[in-house]
Amino acid sequence: MQKRLGHVFSSPRLIERALTHRSFSADHNERLEFLGDSVLSLAVSGLLFEKLSQLPEGDLSRVRANLVKQDTLHQIATRLGLSACLRLGDGEKRSGGHKRPSILADALEALIGAVYLDAGFETASLLVRRLYGDIELSAQMGAMGKDPKTDLQEWLQARKMQLPQYRVVATMGEAHRQTFDVECTVPEAGRSERGIGASRRAGEQAAAAAMLTFLRAAEPAPTKAGG
């Protein structure tokens, strides 16, 4: 895996942890995945800023959302052969966890977070550029459907409101088949909405969709000119 990534870890424990699912050990990859998610977003933002210099901010956000969504990360992880390197508990193995898109996407983000801790942002950014090297970046990617989190963010930004906050309220079920109850809060609206999904990311999307539905319904209708 280090050869495929193009990075040899000075701290091998980091890559070991990045490939460890919570069903295998208490020393698992979720904290690294949290870190890698932010590193990935910044690295992809820099790449798009450079490659798609004519696109406005809204379109860049939509392109980025398509590049960092679970489906895209799953495809990259599959191309890397990541599933064969995962450390999973017996129950997760039996249920096909090594092929589950959410587990593979999270592990890829954890690897990016591990490279960041091992060698810094520049090395992690170069890794991201290699991982996305086979993907053609184009303005048309921004025309693809927006996911609820991106849609909510743009709705709030258009009204100069703060970005939403996401929090995992609870996890339910066995380690190999969990569901995540996530809360989305918009402080300025004084409102929180909940969503449930098979991964943290899916729960966030569900919560964002619920919040957007509420905000759109609560927004006053525009008044007609002339009364």
C-alpha atoms as a PDB file:
ATOM      1  CA  MET A   1       0.000   0.000   0.000  1.00  0.00           C
ATOM      2  CA  GLN A   2       2.872   2.382   0.729  1.00  0.00           C
ATOM      3  CA  LYS A   3       4.229   1.703  -2.753  1.00  0.00           C
ATOM      4  CA  ARG A   4       0.820   2.384  -4.325  1.00  0.00           C
ATOM      5  CA  LEU A   5       0.485   5.604  -2.337  1.00  0.00           C
ATOM      6  CA  GLY A   6       4.003   6.684  -3.262  1.00  0.00           C
ATOM      7  CA  HIS A   7       4.808   7.386   0.370  1.00  0.00           C
ATOM      8  CA  VAL A   8       6.893   5.406   2.851  1.00  0.00           C
ATOM      9  CA  PHE A   9       5.804   6.174   6.403  1.00  0.00           C
ATOM     10  CA  SER A  10       8.420   7.209   8.919  1.00  0.00           C
ATOM     11  CA  SER A  11       5.847   6.129  11.520  1.00  0.00           C
ATOM     12  CA  PRO A  12       4.414   2.786  10.272  1.00  0.00           C
ATOM     13  CA  ARG A  13       1.899   2.809  13.123  1.00  0.00           C
ATOM     14  CA  LEU A  14       0.009   5.570  11.321  1.00  0.00           C
ATOM     15  CA  ILE A  15      -0.736   3.545   8.198  1.00  0.00           C
ATOM     16  CA  GLU A  16      -1.632   0.556  10.372  1.00  0.00           C
ATOM     17  CA  ARG A  17      -4.175   2.638  12.261  1.00  0.00           C
ATOM     18  CA  ALA A  18      -5.520   4.200   9.053  1.00  0.00           C
ATOM     19  CA  LEU A  19      -6.365   0.734   7.725  1.00  0.00           C
ATOM     20  CA  THR A  20      -8.015  -0.440  10.966  1.00  0.00           C
ATOM     21  CA  HIS A  21     -11.816  -0.413  11.219  1.00  0.00           C
ATOM     22  CA  ARG A  22     -13.517   0.076  14.589  1.00  0.00           C
ATOM     23  CA  SER A  23     -14.795  -3.524  14.426  1.00  0.00           C
ATOM     24  CA  PHE A  24     -11.182  -4.769  14.625  1.00  0.00           C
ATOM     25  CA  SER A  25      -9.678  -2.687  17.404  1.00  0.00           C
ATOM     26  CA  ALA A  26     -10.248   0.231  19.750  1.00  0.00           C
ATOM     27  CA  ASP A  27      -7.218   1.820  18.075  1.00  0.00           C
ATOM     28  CA  HIS A  28      -9.157   2.437  14.843  1.00  0.00           C
ATOM     29  CA  ASN A  29      -9.118   4.978  12.020  1.00  0.00           C
ATOM     30  CA  GLU A  30     -12.039   7.294  12.778  1.00  0.00           C
ATOM     31  CA  ARG A  31      -9.957  10.168  14.177  1.00  0.00           C
ATOM     32  CA  LEU A  32      -7.611   9.950  11.193  1.00  0.00           C
ATOM     33  CA  GLU A  33     -10.629   9.915   8.877  1.00  0.00           C
ATOM     34  CA  PHE A  34     -11.906  13.108  10.543  1.00  0.00           C
ATOM     35  CA  LEU A  35      -8.539  14.773   9.931  1.00  0.00           C
ATOM     36  CA  GLY A  36      -8.163  13.404   6.412  1.00  0.00           C
ATOM     37  CA  ASP A  37     -11.581  14.738   5.424  1.00  0.00           C
ATOM     38  CA  SER A  38     -10.383  18.308   6.052  1.00  0.00           C
ATOM     39  CA  VAL A  39      -6.964  17.758   4.443  1.00  0.00           C
ATOM     40  CA  LEU A  40      -8.647  16.272   1.359  1.00  0.00           C
ATOM     41  CA  SER A  41     -11.079  19.184   1.083  1.00  0.00           C
ATOM     42  CA  LEU A  42      -8.277  21.763   1.254  1.00  0.00           C
ATOM     43  CA  ALA A  43      -6.058  19.870  -1.200  1.00  0.00           C
ATOM     44  CA  VAL A  44      -8.896  19.444  -3.717  1.00  0.00           C
ATOM     45  CA  SER A  45      -9.847  23.124  -3.296  1.00  0.00           C
ATOM     46  CA  GLY A  46      -6.294  24.140  -4.176  1.00  0.00           C
ATOM     47  CA  LEU A  47      -6.257  21.821  -7.170  1.00  0.00           C
ATOM     48  CA  LEU A  48      -9.540  23.213  -8.511  1.00  0.00           C
ATOM     49  CA  PHE A  49      -8.489  26.815  -7.883  1.00  0.00           C
ATOM     50  CA  GLU A  50      -5.463  26.136 -10.070  1.00  0.00           C
ATOM     51  CA  LYS A  51      -7.024  23.975 -12.804  1.00  0.00           C
ATOM     52  CA  LEU A  52     -10.454  25.624 -13.177  1.00  0.00           C
ATOM     53  CA  SER A  53      -9.415  29.256 -12.845  1.00  0.00           C
ATOM     54  CA  GLN A  54     -12.469  30.637 -14.672  1.00  0.00           C
ATOM     55  CA  LEU A  55     -15.133  29.003 -12.498  1.00  0.00           C
ATOM     56  CA  PRO A  56     -16.985  31.095  -9.901  1.00  0.00           C
ATOM     57  CA  GLU A  57     -17.069  30.026  -6.249  1.00  0.00           C
ATOM     58  CA  GLY A  58     -20.462  28.304  -6.417  1.00  0.00           C
ATOM     59  CA  ASP A  59     -19.448  26.079  -9.325  1.00  0.00           C
ATOM     60  CA  LEU A  60     -16.113  25.278  -7.683  1.00  0.00           C
ATOM     61  CA  SER A  61     -17.993  24.165  -4.570  1.00  0.00           C
ATOM     62  CA  ARG A  62     -20.176  21.836  -6.624  1.00  0.00           C
ATOM     63  CA  VAL A  63     -17.195  20.334  -8.456  1.00  0.00           C
ATOM     64  CA  ARG A  64     -15.423  19.795  -5.137  1.00  0.00           C
ATOM     65  CA  ALA A  65     -18.507  18.149  -3.655  1.00  0.00           C
ATOM     66  CA  ASN A  66     -18.520  15.642  -6.530  1.00  0.00           C
ATOM     67  CA  LEU A  67     -14.818  14.920  -6.083  1.00  0.00           C
ATOM     68  CA  VAL A  68     -14.938  14.271  -2.331  1.00  0.00           C
ATOM     69  CA  LYS A  69     -18.262  12.433  -2.150  1.00  0.00           C
ATOM     70  CA  GLN A  70     -18.388   8.787  -1.103  1.00  0.00           C
ATOM     71  CA  ASP A  71     -18.858   7.374  -4.613  1.00  0.00           C
ATOM     72  CA  THR A  72     -15.711   9.060  -5.935  1.00  0.00           C
ATOM     73  CA  LEU A  73     -13.633   8.090  -2.890  1.00  0.00           C
ATOM     74  CA  HIS A  74     -14.899   4.510  -3.182  1.00  0.00           C
ATOM     75  CA  GLN A  75     -13.763   4.362  -6.812  1.00  0.00           C
ATOM     76  CA  ILE A  76     -10.294   5.653  -5.923  1.00  0.00           C
ATOM     77  CA  ALA A  77     -10.018   3.249  -2.978  1.00  0.00           C
ATOM     78  CA  THR A  78     -11.007   0.328  -5.209  1.00  0.00           C
ATOM     79  CA  ARG A  79      -8.404   1.333  -7.784  1.00  0.00           C
ATOM     80  CA  LEU A  80      -5.790   1.377  -5.008  1.00  0.00           C
ATOM     81  CA  GLY A  81      -6.719  -2.149  -3.928  1.00  0.00           C
ATOM     82  CA  LEU A  82      -7.511  -0.797  -0.480  1.00  0.00           C
ATOM     83  CA  SER A  83     -10.008  -3.517   0.439  1.00  0.00           C
ATOM     84  CA  ALA A  84      -7.300  -6.187   0.622  1.00  0.00           C
ATOM     85  CA  CYS A  85      -5.379  -4.156   3.210  1.00  0.00           C
ATOM     86  CA  LEU A  86      -8.235  -3.343   5.608  1.00  0.00           C
ATOM     87  CA  ARG A  87      -8.218  -4.769   9.103  1.00  0.00           C
ATOM     88  CA  LEU A  88     -11.797  -5.734   9.944  1.00  0.00           C
ATOM     89  CA  GLY A  89     -13.486  -7.632  12.750  1.00  0.00           C
ATOM     90  CA  ASP A  90     -14.879 -11.099  11.975  1.00  0.00           C
ATOM     91  CA  GLY A  91     -18.478  -9.898  11.837  1.00  0.00           C
ATOM     92  CA  GLU A  92     -17.626  -7.101   9.434  1.00  0.00           C
ATOM     93  CA  LYS A  93     -15.670  -9.497   7.248  1.00  0.00           C
ATOM     94  CA  ARG A  94     -18.595 -11.917   7.051  1.00  0.00           C
ATOM     95  CA  SER A  95     -20.987  -9.133   6.087  1.00  0.00           C
ATOM     96  CA  GLY A  96     -18.767  -7.997   3.202  1.00  0.00           C
ATOM     97  CA  GLY A  97     -17.333  -4.936   4.921  1.00  0.00           C
ATOM     98  CA  HIS A  98     -14.202  -4.966   2.776  1.00  0.00           C
ATOM     99  CA  LYS A  99     -16.398  -3.997  -0.179  1.00  0.00           C
ATOM    100  CA  ARG A 100     -18.664  -1.513   1.622  1.00  0.00           C
ATOM    101  CA  PRO A 101     -18.309   1.920  -0.025  1.00  0.00           C
ATOM    102  CA  SER A 102     -18.551   3.866   3.241  1.00  0.00           C
ATOM    103  CA  ILE A 103     -15.769   1.822   4.888  1.00  0.00           C
ATOM    104  CA  LEU A 104     -13.467   2.158   1.876  1.00  0.00           C
ATOM    105  CA  ALA A 105     -14.135   5.891   1.501  1.00  0.00           C
ATOM    106  CA  ASP A 106     -13.465   6.484   5.197  1.00  0.00           C
ATOM    107  CA  ALA A 107     -10.257   4.437   5.087  1.00  0.00           C
ATOM    108  CA  LEU A 108      -9.000   6.464   2.125  1.00  0.00           C
ATOM    109  CA  GLU A 109      -9.588   9.685   4.040  1.00  0.00           C
ATOM    110  CA  ALA A 110      -7.838   8.139   7.049  1.00  0.00           C
ATOM    111  CA  LEU A 111      -4.809   7.365   4.872  1.00  0.00           C
ATOM    112  CA  ILE A 112      -4.688  10.977   3.699  1.00  0.00           C
ATOM    113  CA  GLY A 113      -4.866  12.102   7.329  1.00  0.00           C
ATOM    114  CA  ALA A 114      -2.082   9.672   8.234  1.00  0.00           C
ATOM    115  CA  VAL A 115       0.178  11.007   5.457  1.00  0.00           C
ATOM    116  CA  TYR A 116      -0.511  14.554   6.669  1.00  0.00           C
ATOM    117  CA  LEU A 117       0.576  13.657  10.217  1.00  0.00           C
ATOM    118  CA  ASP A 118       3.587  11.713   8.961  1.00  0.00           C
ATOM    119  CA  ALA A 119       4.976  14.238   6.477  1.00  0.00           C
ATOM    120  CA  GLY A 120       2.942  17.445   6.431  1.00  0.00           C
ATOM    121  CA  PHE A 121       0.390  19.083   4.173  1.00  0.00           C
ATOM    122  CA  GLU A 122       2.576  19.444   1.076  1.00  0.00           C
ATOM    123  CA  THR A 123       3.176  15.685   0.906  1.00  0.00           C
ATOM    124  CA  ALA A 124      -0.502  14.956   1.586  1.00  0.00           C
ATOM    125  CA  SER A 125      -1.529  17.426  -1.128  1.00  0.00           C
ATOM    126  CA  LEU A 126       0.805  15.768  -3.646  1.00  0.00           C
ATOM    127  CA  LEU A 127      -0.769  12.416  -2.723  1.00  0.00           C
ATOM    128  CA  VAL A 128      -4.255  13.812  -3.389  1.00  0.00           C
ATOM    129  CA  ARG A 129      -3.112  15.076  -6.778  1.00  0.00           C
ATOM    130  CA  ARG A 130      -1.793  11.604  -7.636  1.00  0.00           C
ATOM    131  CA  LEU A 131      -5.010   9.950  -6.470  1.00  0.00           C
ATOM    132  CA  TYR A 132      -7.076  12.244  -8.685  1.00  0.00           C
ATOM    133  CA  GLY A 133      -4.637  12.119 -11.585  1.00  0.00           C
ATOM    134  CA  ASP A 134      -6.886   9.889 -13.712  1.00  0.00           C
ATOM    135  CA  ILE A 135      -9.978  12.047 -13.173  1.00  0.00           C
ATOM    136  CA  GLU A 136     -10.581  14.715 -15.793  1.00  0.00           C
ATOM    137  CA  LEU A 137     -11.435  17.970 -14.056  1.00  0.00           C
ATOM    138  CA  SER A 138     -13.979  20.056 -15.941  1.00  0.00           C
ATOM    139  CA  ALA A 139     -16.569  22.745 -15.395  1.00  0.00           C
ATOM    140  CA  GLN A 140     -19.259  20.222 -16.353  1.00  0.00           C
ATOM    141  CA  MET A 141     -18.698  18.410 -13.077  1.00  0.00           C
ATOM    142  CA  GLY A 142     -20.358  21.360 -11.359  1.00  0.00           C
ATOM    143  CA  ALA A 143     -23.528  20.724 -13.341  1.00  0.00           C
ATOM    144  CA  MET A 144     -24.011  17.359 -11.645  1.00  0.00           C
ATOM    145  CA  GLY A 145     -26.629  17.222  -8.925  1.00  0.00           C
ATOM    146  CA  LYS A 146     -25.729  18.999  -5.713  1.00  0.00           C
ATOM    147  CA  ASP A 147     -25.704  16.922  -2.561  1.00  0.00           C
ATOM    148  CA  PRO A 148     -27.788  18.243   0.370  1.00  0.00           C
ATOM    149  CA  LYS A 149     -24.770  19.470   2.385  1.00  0.00           C
ATOM    150  CA  THR A 150     -23.531  21.561  -0.538  1.00  0.00           C
ATOM    151  CA  ASP A 151     -27.052  22.785  -1.280  1.00  0.00           C
ATOM    152  CA  LEU A 152     -27.544  23.845   2.353  1.00  0.00           C
ATOM    153  CA  GLN A 153     -24.159  25.564   2.492  1.00  0.00           C
ATOM    154  CA  GLU A 154     -24.905  27.589  -0.636  1.00  0.00           C
ATOM    155  CA  TRP A 155     -28.398  28.495   0.633  1.00  0.00           C
ATOM    156  CA  LEU A 156     -26.904  29.850   3.866  1.00  0.00           C
ATOM    157  CA  GLN A 157     -24.017  31.645   2.146  1.00  0.00           C
ATOM    158  CA  ALA A 158     -26.440  33.400  -0.208  1.00  0.00           C
ATOM    159  CA  ARG A 159     -28.132  34.843   2.892  1.00  0.00           C
ATOM    160  CA  LYS A 160     -24.812  35.635   4.637  1.00  0.00           C
ATOM    161  CA  MET A 161     -25.553  33.150   7.408  1.00  0.00           C
ATOM    162  CA  GLN A 162     -23.043  31.013   9.295  1.00  0.00           C
ATOM    163  CA  LEU A 163     -22.262  27.526   8.015  1.00  0.00           C
ATOM    164  CA  PRO A 164     -24.100  24.613   9.656  1.00  0.00           C
ATOM    165  CA  GLN A 165     -22.636  22.518  12.453  1.00  0.00           C
ATOM    166  CA  TYR A 166     -22.831  18.705  12.413  1.00  0.00           C
ATOM    167  CA  ARG A 167     -22.665  16.416  15.430  1.00  0.00           C
ATOM    168  CA  VAL A 168     -23.044  12.653  15.787  1.00  0.00           C
ATOM    169  CA  VAL A 169     -25.738  12.263  18.456  1.00  0.00           C
ATOM    170  CA  ALA A 170     -25.658   8.475  18.640  1.00  0.00           C
ATOM    171  CA  THR A 171     -24.483   5.330  16.891  1.00  0.00           C
ATOM    172  CA  MET A 172     -26.750   2.300  16.893  1.00  0.00           C
ATOM    173  CA  GLY A 173     -26.299  -1.360  16.062  1.00  0.00           C
ATOM    174  CA  GLU A 174     -23.370  -3.757  16.015  1.00  0.00           C
ATOM    175  CA  ALA A 175     -19.925  -2.484  15.024  1.00  0.00           C
ATOM    176  CA  HIS A 176     -20.165  -4.132  11.608  1.00  0.00           C
ATOM    177  CA  ARG A 177     -23.643  -2.765  10.869  1.00  0.00           C
ATOM    178  CA  GLN A 178     -24.009   0.618  12.510  1.00  0.00           C
ATOM    179  CA  THR A 179     -26.324   3.495  11.780  1.00  0.00           C
ATOM    180  CA  PHE A 180     -25.415   7.081  12.654  1.00  0.00           C
ATOM    181  CA  ASP A 181     -27.842   9.608  14.119  1.00  0.00           C
ATOM    182  CA  VAL A 182     -26.508  13.039  13.152  1.00  0.00           C
ATOM    183  CA  GLU A 183     -27.699  16.501  14.178  1.00  0.00           C
ATOM    184  CA  CYS A 184     -27.394  19.517  11.891  1.00  0.00           C
ATOM    185  CA  THR A 185     -27.618  22.922  13.615  1.00  0.00           C
ATOM    186  CA  VAL A 186     -27.967  26.375  12.053  1.00  0.00           C
ATOM    187  CA  PRO A 187     -27.341  28.734  15.007  1.00  0.00           C
ATOM    188  CA  GLU A 188     -28.807  31.849  13.390  1.00  0.00           C
ATOM    189  CA  ALA A 189     -32.039  30.013  12.667  1.00  0.00           C
ATOM    190  CA  GLY A 190     -32.149  28.593  16.187  1.00  0.00           C
ATOM    191  CA  ARG A 191     -32.929  25.221  14.652  1.00  0.00           C
ATOM    192  CA  SER A 192     -31.547  21.692  14.673  1.00  0.00           C
ATOM    193  CA  GLU A 193     -32.605  18.784  12.483  1.00  0.00           C
ATOM    194  CA  ARG A 194     -31.658  15.116  12.670  1.00  0.00           C
ATOM    195  CA  GLY A 195     -30.786  12.554  10.027  1.00  0.00           C
ATOM    196  CA  ILE A 196     -29.893   8.856  10.103  1.00  0.00           C
ATOM    197  CA  GLY A 197     -27.576   7.013   7.712  1.00  0.00           C
ATOM    198  CA  ALA A 198     -25.413   3.926   7.347  1.00  0.00           C
ATOM    199  CA  SER A 199     -22.301   6.117   7.675  1.00  0.00           C
ATOM    200  CA  ARG A 200     -21.517   9.413   9.382  1.00  0.00           C
ATOM    201  CA  ARG A 201     -21.419  11.084   5.988  1.00  0.00           C
ATOM    202  CA  ALA A 202     -24.813   9.675   5.008  1.00  0.00           C
ATOM    203  CA  GLY A 203     -26.270  10.842   8.320  1.00  0.00           C
ATOM    204  CA  GLU A 204     -24.938  14.352   7.706  1.00  0.00           C
ATOM    205  CA  GLN A 205     -26.519  14.413   4.245  1.00  0.00           C
ATOM    206  CA  ALA A 206     -29.870  13.289   5.643  1.00  0.00           C
ATOM    207  CA  ALA A 207     -29.736  15.922   8.389  1.00  0.00           C
ATOM    208  CA  ALA A 208     -28.770  18.624   5.882  1.00  0.00           C
ATOM    209  CA  ALA A 209     -31.695  17.653   3.648  1.00  0.00           C
ATOM    210  CA  ALA A 210     -34.097  17.914   6.593  1.00  0.00           C
ATOM    211  CA  MET A 211     -32.684  21.315   7.571  1.00  0.00           C
ATOM    212  CA  LEU A 212     -32.953  22.645   4.026  1.00  0.00           C
ATOM    213  CA  THR A 213     -36.576  21.506   3.807  1.00  0.00           C
ATOM    214  CA  PHE A 214     -37.383  23.375   7.026  1.00  0.00           C
ATOM    215  CA  LEU A 215     -35.528  26.560   6.053  1.00  0.00           C
ATOM    216  CA  ARG A 216     -37.146  26.774   2.634  1.00  0.00           C
ATOM    217  CA  ALA A 217     -40.606  26.247   4.104  1.00  0.00           C
ATOM    218  CA  ALA A 218     -40.008  28.846   6.826  1.00  0.00           C
ATOM    219  CA  GLU A 219     -38.584  31.519   4.526  1.00  0.00           C
ATOM    220  CA  PRO A 220     -41.104  34.333   3.923  1.00  0.00           C
ATOM    221  CA  ALA A 221     -42.462  34.495   0.407  1.00  0.00           C
ATOM    222  CA  PRO A 222     -41.224  37.523  -1.559  1.00  0.00           C
ATOM    223  CA  THR A 223     -43.680  40.413  -1.601  1.00  0.00           C
ATOM    224  CA  LYS A 224     -45.062  41.539  -4.946  1.00  0.00           C
ATOM    225  CA  ALA A 225     -43.983  44.923  -6.261  1.00  0.00           C
ATOM    226  CA  GLY A 226     -46.655  47.596  -5.877  1.00  0.00           C
ATOM    227  CA  GLY A 227     -48.397  45.802  -2.995  1.00  0.00           C
END
